């Protein structure tokens, strides 16, 4: 099965979260499905673009979907939740507004029939890979407790995304169980990390991320699993600053769920990008030894 791969800006090689993209591709080589990068893809507008120019941001996303249609893909994997959300919302917007659809098609000079299914990474794994994880499992961690952090964008807005329970999602927890780790019960799995304010209101981000880190530690987690580059950046890159601001020590690894799957498949920590994190991931890697 061929699935169109939309990496987006944040996880391509040389970008801020390239380890996410690296681990997604490494894992797919073992348990599938076959991911084929969409030729000539562009930024989806997952920034201030959608707030400042709705037509432009919609056209940016729809162009990627139209390219996928052109090359015969029925489904697109967009591992970044900011990207998957923008693609899905734009797809709905043109489906609901014929005038907008015509304007967008004129702008991108391609038709958009909106027949392509957009998948986030958890959805891809749940739909296609659970049996193959079990078949290819090489290592199971020793008593590794994981706080599954979904954040805002994977499950909201629920009426549009229609993925998992927006208040108590379970898909990442099920993947964590499939690799032999233990998901913890905690109250912050869908709390916002402040991603949209990461530059303009860093004080807000520090408060929100401190609450998330505290919640994971209080729940007994050894690490936090994420599937979002922005969530990872706020919890991992800012952790030292959070510790200084709130006068406490966390030192809790923030790992992509794709990296955890890769460790269970024995793909090697460095090849998965676990050496590129700000907070040391050695304790997580060693749990799979």
Protein backbone atom coordinates (compact mmCIF):
# COMPACT_ATOMS: atom_id res chain seq x y z
CA UNK A 1 0.00 0.00 0.00
CA UNK A 2 1.29 3.46 -0.99
CA UNK A 3 0.42 6.37 1.23
CA UNK A 4 1.34 9.92 0.36
CA UNK A 5 3.81 11.39 2.83
CA UNK A 6 3.51 15.05 3.69
CA UNK A 7 6.46 15.92 5.97
CA UNK A 8 5.70 19.61 6.32
CA UNK A 9 8.26 22.20 7.32
CA UNK A 10 9.13 21.21 10.89
CA UNK A 11 10.29 17.61 10.48
CA UNK A 12 12.29 17.60 7.24
CA UNK A 13 16.05 17.06 7.34
CA UNK A 14 17.78 20.07 8.82
CA UNK A 15 14.62 21.40 10.45
CA UNK A 16 13.93 21.90 14.14
CA UNK A 17 12.26 18.51 14.68
CA UNK A 18 13.95 16.35 12.06
CA UNK A 19 14.23 13.43 14.49
CA UNK A 20 10.46 13.02 14.30
CA UNK A 21 10.56 12.68 10.53
CA UNK A 22 13.62 10.44 10.69
CA UNK A 23 12.01 8.04 13.16
CA UNK A 24 8.68 7.98 11.28
CA UNK A 25 10.46 6.93 8.08
CA UNK A 26 12.74 4.41 9.81
CA UNK A 27 9.78 2.73 11.47
CA UNK A 28 7.79 2.62 8.22
CA UNK A 29 10.66 0.76 6.54
CA UNK A 30 10.11 -2.12 8.98
CA UNK A 31 6.37 -2.23 9.65
CA UNK A 32 5.01 -0.23 6.71
CA UNK A 33 2.97 1.07 5.09
CA UNK A 34 5.06 2.38 2.21
CA UNK A 35 5.37 6.16 2.48
CA UNK A 36 6.03 8.12 -0.70
CA UNK A 37 6.80 11.82 -0.32
CA UNK A 38 4.40 14.01 -2.27
CA UNK A 39 6.39 15.62 -5.08
CA UNK A 40 6.68 19.43 -4.92
CA UNK A 41 4.76 19.80 -1.64
CA UNK A 42 4.63 23.22 -0.01
CA UNK A 43 4.05 24.73 3.43
CA UNK A 44 0.48 24.11 4.59
CA UNK A 45 0.11 27.54 6.20
CA UNK A 46 0.08 26.22 9.78
CA UNK A 47 1.16 29.55 11.16
CA UNK A 48 -0.38 32.99 11.36
CA UNK A 49 -1.28 32.59 7.67
CA UNK A 50 -4.65 31.00 8.42
CA UNK A 51 -5.56 33.93 10.69
CA UNK A 52 -4.37 36.71 8.40
CA UNK A 53 -5.41 35.40 4.97
CA UNK A 54 -7.92 32.58 4.98
CA UNK A 55 -7.99 32.12 1.22
CA UNK A 56 -4.20 31.93 0.94
CA UNK A 57 -3.80 29.47 3.81
CA UNK A 58 -6.58 27.31 2.37
CA UNK A 59 -4.92 27.34 -1.04
CA UNK A 60 -1.59 26.32 0.49
CA UNK A 61 -3.12 23.24 2.09
CA UNK A 62 -5.40 22.34 -0.82
CA UNK A 63 -2.50 22.43 -3.25
CA UNK A 64 -0.86 19.58 -1.32
CA UNK A 65 -4.08 17.57 -1.33
CA UNK A 66 -4.54 18.20 -5.05
CA UNK A 67 -0.98 17.04 -5.72
CA UNK A 68 -1.73 13.85 -3.79
CA UNK A 69 -4.83 13.32 -5.94
CA UNK A 70 -2.77 13.95 -9.06
CA UNK A 71 -0.27 11.25 -8.11
CA UNK A 72 -2.95 8.72 -7.21
CA UNK A 73 -2.79 8.71 -3.41
CA UNK A 74 -5.97 7.84 -1.53
CA UNK A 75 -4.48 8.77 1.85
CA UNK A 76 -1.91 11.28 3.12
CA UNK A 77 0.15 10.90 6.27
CA UNK A 78 0.92 14.26 7.87
CA UNK A 79 2.85 13.38 11.07
CA UNK A 80 2.78 16.96 12.37
CA UNK A 81 -0.64 17.64 13.97
CA UNK A 82 -0.44 21.30 12.98
CA UNK A 83 -0.18 20.16 9.36
CA UNK A 84 -2.80 17.40 9.54
CA UNK A 85 -5.27 19.77 11.21
CA UNK A 86 -4.75 22.50 8.59
CA UNK A 87 -5.13 20.02 5.73
CA UNK A 88 -8.34 18.58 7.19
CA UNK A 89 -9.86 21.98 8.01
CA UNK A 90 -9.01 23.36 4.57
CA UNK A 91 -10.47 20.26 2.96
CA UNK A 92 -13.72 20.81 4.86
CA UNK A 93 -13.77 24.53 4.06
CA UNK A 94 -13.66 23.99 0.29
CA UNK A 95 -16.18 21.14 0.54
CA UNK A 96 -18.61 23.46 2.34
CA UNK A 97 -18.04 26.56 0.20
CA UNK A 98 -18.26 26.25 -3.58
CA UNK A 99 -17.18 29.85 -4.11
CA UNK A 100 -14.05 29.34 -2.01
CA UNK A 101 -13.34 26.06 -3.78
CA UNK A 102 -13.48 27.75 -7.20
CA UNK A 103 -11.22 30.60 -6.04
CA UNK A 104 -8.70 28.15 -4.57
CA UNK A 105 -8.70 25.95 -7.66
CA UNK A 106 -8.11 29.02 -9.83
CA UNK A 107 -5.22 30.06 -7.58
CA UNK A 108 -3.47 26.67 -7.58
CA UNK A 109 -4.47 25.81 -11.17
CA UNK A 110 -5.55 22.32 -10.16
CA UNK A 111 -8.88 20.69 -9.33
CA UNK A 112 -9.64 19.64 -5.79
CA UNK A 113 -12.13 16.82 -5.35
CA UNK A 114 -11.38 16.43 -1.62
CA UNK A 115 -11.40 12.65 -1.84
CA UNK A 116 -8.09 12.10 -0.04
CA UNK A 117 -8.10 10.95 3.58
CA UNK A 118 -5.68 12.82 5.88
CA UNK A 119 -4.06 10.71 8.61
CA UNK A 120 -2.14 11.80 11.68
CA UNK A 121 0.68 9.51 12.85
CA UNK A 122 -1.28 7.82 15.64
CA UNK A 123 -4.09 7.10 13.19
CA UNK A 124 -1.67 5.54 10.71
CA UNK A 125 -0.18 3.25 13.35
CA UNK A 126 -3.58 2.27 14.75
CA UNK A 127 -5.07 1.62 11.29
CA UNK A 128 -2.21 -0.29 9.68
CA UNK A 129 0.64 -1.23 12.00
CA UNK A 130 -0.48 -2.78 15.30
CA UNK A 131 -0.22 -6.38 14.07
CA UNK A 132 3.14 -5.68 12.45
CA UNK A 133 4.48 -4.13 15.65
CA UNK A 134 3.64 -7.35 17.47
CA UNK A 135 5.27 -9.46 14.73
CA UNK A 136 8.46 -7.39 14.61
CA UNK A 137 8.91 -6.57 18.29
CA UNK A 138 12.55 -7.13 19.23
CA UNK A 139 12.82 -5.42 22.61
CA UNK A 140 10.38 -4.61 25.37
CA UNK A 141 11.26 -2.02 28.01
CA UNK A 142 11.79 -2.89 31.63
CA UNK A 143 9.10 -1.17 33.73
CA UNK A 144 9.01 1.98 31.58
CA UNK A 145 6.06 4.22 32.51
CA UNK A 146 4.96 6.65 29.80
CA UNK A 147 2.68 9.68 29.99
CA UNK A 148 0.98 9.91 26.59
CA UNK A 149 0.64 13.57 25.70
CA UNK A 150 -1.75 14.36 22.85
CA UNK A 151 -1.94 18.13 23.21
CA UNK A 152 -4.60 20.20 21.44
CA UNK A 153 -4.22 19.60 17.74
CA UNK A 154 -4.61 15.83 17.44
CA UNK A 155 -8.14 15.76 18.80
CA UNK A 156 -9.54 19.28 18.41
CA UNK A 157 -11.81 20.55 16.94
CA UNK A 158 -13.49 17.15 17.44
CA UNK A 159 -16.38 17.64 15.00
CA UNK A 160 -13.91 18.29 12.18
CA UNK A 161 -11.01 15.97 13.03
CA UNK A 162 -13.18 13.11 14.30
CA UNK A 163 -10.22 11.36 15.87
CA UNK A 164 -10.30 9.64 19.27
CA UNK A 165 -12.00 10.99 22.38
CA UNK A 166 -11.21 14.74 22.64
CA UNK A 167 -11.26 14.61 26.45
CA UNK A 168 -9.74 11.19 27.13
CA UNK A 169 -7.97 9.84 24.02
CA UNK A 170 -6.53 6.33 24.18
CA UNK A 171 -4.79 5.69 20.83
CA UNK A 172 -1.27 6.59 21.97
CA UNK A 173 -1.74 4.65 25.19
CA UNK A 174 -2.64 1.57 23.14
CA UNK A 175 0.53 1.96 21.07
CA UNK A 176 2.56 2.35 24.27
CA UNK A 177 1.05 -0.91 25.54
CA UNK A 178 1.79 -2.64 22.22
CA UNK A 179 5.54 -2.05 22.66
CA UNK A 180 5.48 -3.33 26.24
CA UNK A 181 5.63 -0.02 28.12
CA UNK A 182 3.09 1.12 30.71
CA UNK A 183 0.87 4.15 30.02
CA UNK A 184 0.10 6.16 33.15
CA UNK A 185 -3.24 7.70 33.98
CA UNK A 186 -2.95 11.46 34.22
CA UNK A 187 -5.04 14.61 33.83
CA UNK A 188 -2.93 16.64 31.41
CA UNK A 189 -2.93 14.49 28.26
CA UNK A 190 -4.88 17.05 26.19
CA UNK A 191 -3.87 20.25 27.98
CA UNK A 192 -2.42 22.99 25.77
CA UNK A 193 1.34 23.56 25.94
CA UNK A 194 0.93 27.13 24.69
CA UNK A 195 2.37 26.41 21.26
CA UNK A 196 0.70 29.38 19.59
CA UNK A 197 2.34 31.74 22.08
CA UNK A 198 5.78 30.18 22.02
CA UNK A 199 7.44 33.44 20.87
CA UNK A 200 4.95 36.17 21.80
CA UNK A 201 4.10 35.04 25.35
CA UNK A 202 6.87 32.80 26.61
CA UNK A 203 5.71 33.37 30.20
CA UNK A 204 2.39 31.72 29.37
CA UNK A 205 4.18 28.80 27.70
CA UNK A 206 6.41 28.27 30.73
CA UNK A 207 3.39 28.15 33.06
CA UNK A 208 1.43 25.72 30.88
CA UNK A 209 4.39 23.42 30.26
CA UNK A 210 5.36 23.45 33.93
CA UNK A 211 1.85 22.19 34.78
CA UNK A 212 2.16 19.41 32.19
CA UNK A 213 5.59 18.32 33.45
CA UNK A 214 4.40 18.38 37.05
CA UNK A 215 1.37 16.30 36.13
CA UNK A 216 3.50 13.66 34.43
CA UNK A 217 5.94 13.44 37.35
CA UNK A 218 3.13 13.21 39.90
CA UNK A 219 1.59 10.39 37.86
CA UNK A 220 4.88 8.46 38.12
CA UNK A 221 5.91 8.75 34.47
CA UNK A 222 9.51 8.06 33.44
CA UNK A 223 9.04 9.91 30.15
CA UNK A 224 6.45 11.82 28.15
CA UNK A 225 5.52 10.58 24.66
CA UNK A 226 4.42 13.13 22.05
CA UNK A 227 3.43 13.21 18.38
CA UNK A 228 3.77 16.95 17.78
CA UNK A 229 6.92 18.98 17.01
CA UNK A 230 5.63 22.07 18.83
CA UNK A 231 4.72 20.10 21.95
CA UNK A 232 8.13 18.44 21.87
CA UNK A 233 9.93 21.76 21.53
CA UNK A 234 8.08 23.35 24.44
CA UNK A 235 8.48 20.39 26.79
CA UNK A 236 12.00 19.39 25.80
CA UNK A 237 13.82 22.54 24.68
CA UNK A 238 12.28 24.77 27.36
CA UNK A 239 12.56 22.30 30.23
CA UNK A 240 15.74 23.80 31.71
CA UNK A 241 14.22 27.28 31.61
CA UNK A 242 11.05 25.95 33.25
CA UNK A 243 13.12 24.36 36.01
CA UNK A 244 14.91 27.66 36.62
CA UNK A 245 11.69 29.69 36.55
CA UNK A 246 9.87 27.40 39.00
CA UNK A 247 12.89 26.39 41.07
CA UNK A 248 12.54 22.65 40.68
CA UNK A 249 14.09 19.73 38.80
CA UNK A 250 12.26 17.59 36.27
CA UNK A 251 14.84 16.03 33.93
CA UNK A 252 12.09 13.98 32.30
CA UNK A 253 12.75 12.82 28.70
CA UNK A 254 10.30 13.94 26.01
CA UNK A 255 10.24 11.34 23.22
CA UNK A 256 8.30 10.98 20.01
CA UNK A 257 6.01 7.95 19.92
CA UNK A 258 7.76 6.96 16.66
CA UNK A 259 11.08 6.85 18.53
CA UNK A 260 9.59 4.54 21.15
CA UNK A 261 8.28 2.22 18.44
CA UNK A 262 11.70 2.30 16.78
CA UNK A 263 13.45 1.33 20.03
CA UNK A 264 11.07 -1.61 20.40
CA UNK A 265 11.94 -2.65 16.82
CA UNK A 266 15.66 -2.38 17.75
CA UNK A 267 16.40 0.28 15.14
CA UNK A 268 19.05 2.01 17.25
CA UNK A 269 18.79 5.18 19.29
CA UNK A 270 21.10 7.31 17.13
CA UNK A 271 19.45 6.30 13.84
CA UNK A 272 16.12 7.35 15.35
CA UNK A 273 17.47 10.74 16.42
CA UNK A 274 17.29 10.26 20.18
CA UNK A 275 20.71 11.88 20.55
CA UNK A 276 19.33 15.20 19.27
CA UNK A 277 17.07 16.01 22.21
CA UNK A 278 17.81 18.71 24.78
CA UNK A 279 16.86 16.52 27.77
CA UNK A 280 18.91 13.32 27.85
CA UNK A 281 17.01 10.25 26.65
CA UNK A 282 19.53 7.72 27.95
CA UNK A 283 17.15 6.41 30.64
CA UNK A 284 14.53 5.60 28.01
CA UNK A 285 17.09 3.97 25.68
CA UNK A 286 18.51 1.91 28.53
CA UNK A 287 15.04 0.64 29.43
CA UNK A 288 15.07 -1.22 26.09
CA UNK A 289 18.50 -2.81 26.70
